[in-house]
Amino acid sequence: MTERTGVWLVGALGGLATTVVVGARAIARGLDPGGGVATLGAAFAGLDLAPLDGLVFGGHDVRTESLADSAAQIGRENGSLRPEILDAVREDLDAIDARRRPGVALNGGAAIDALVEDGGTVPAASVADLVGRVRADLAAFREAERLDRLIVVNLASTEPPAGARPELETLDAFEAAVAADARDAFRAGQLYAYAAMLEGAAYVNFTPSDALVPALEQLAARDGLPFMGSDGKTGETLVKSALAPMFRDRALRVLTWQGYNILGDRDGQVLSAEENLRSKVSSKDQVLSRILGYPLHTHVGIDFVPSLKDMKTAWDFIHFQGFLG
C-alpha cells in the first residue's frame, strides 16, 4: 500500500502552489513524463522517496476563488497550464479545494492585506488563537486523510523583514510573546511554521520571508523535526547561485554584480511595496557574498510590470577581475 504524505501549502491559491498541484497530479495520472522534476531522474533512483501518487494536498489561503479558477487563469495568461491537462485533473483540484482553509494575515503589510478577500481569514482573539486554528486545521487534515507523514510548505507572498527582535531569538521568548499576545512581534509566516512544528510536521520555507527565525530552529532541534529553506531561488537568484561558484572556483574576483528584474502577477504586485521588497532584495544580495566569501558591490532592482503577468524577465551585469588584474 502506498504511504500517504500530506503536503500542506501555505498560499495554496498562488501561482506557484497551483502549478505544483496541477503538475503533481498530471504526472501521477501519467499525463506528463515529469520533465523538470529532478527527483524523478536517475540520480535519485536509489532513494526511498514518497511517490507522487502518494502526495495528498491541502492548504491555507487568504483568497477565496477555487483552485480550478486559479489554474485556468494561469493557463490563459501564461500558457504554462494546458487546457487538456486542467480538464483531466479537474476532479483532483476540486477535492483539494475541499481541504483548503482560510489563512492567517498578520503584519504582512498593505500589499498582502490588499489580497485578503471576504471569508479568506477567520478573525482570532489573540496570537495564540491564530496558532491554535492553524494547528487544528493541520490535525484535522492528518486525521481525515489518514496521513503517514505531514509536510508544511510556505509558498505565500513575501512578507516585510521581521528585523532583529528579542522575541524571535529564543524559543522561551517566542512562546512568552505568543502567550502575552504580542501581535507586533510576529509575521504570519512565523506562526504557520510554529504551528506546523507543534503538530510534528516537517517544514519548508520556499519564500524570502523571515519565517524560520532562531527560536523556531531551536524548536525543530528540540523535537527532532526536519526544516529547510530561505527563498526557492527559481529565477535571477537561481542564475546567481549557479554562476557565482564558477567565478569563485576560477579565482575570478567579482567587483560588482548588478541585477534588474521586471515581473507582473501577484508576486510583482506584492514586491512593488517597499516594505515587502526589502526581504526579497536581502535574499538576492546575501546569496552572492555567502558563495563568494567576500563583500562586493551589489544592487537588485525589481519593478512591477502588470502586463508581463508571470513572464519574469531579468538582466545581470557582472564586473570581475581576472588574471594579472
Foldseek 3Di string as FASTA:
>chain_A
DAAAEEEAEEACLAPVNLVVQLVLVCVVVVNDVDPPPVCVDPVNVPPPDRHSVRYQYEYAFLDDDFSLVSLVVCCVQPVPRDPVSSVVCVVVSVVRRVLYAAADFAQQDPLRVVRGDVRNHDDDPALVRRLVVLLVSVVCVCVVVVHPAYEYEYPDAFGFELPDDPCQAALVSVVVCRVVRVRNNDGRLQSNLVSCVVNVHAYEYQELYPNCGNRSVVSCVVVVHHYDYHHNCDPPLVVLLVVLLVCQVQVKAWAEKEKEKEAEASNQSSCQDPRRVVSVFVVSLVSNCVNNVHDHHYYYHYHYDHSRHGVMDMDMDIDIHDPPD
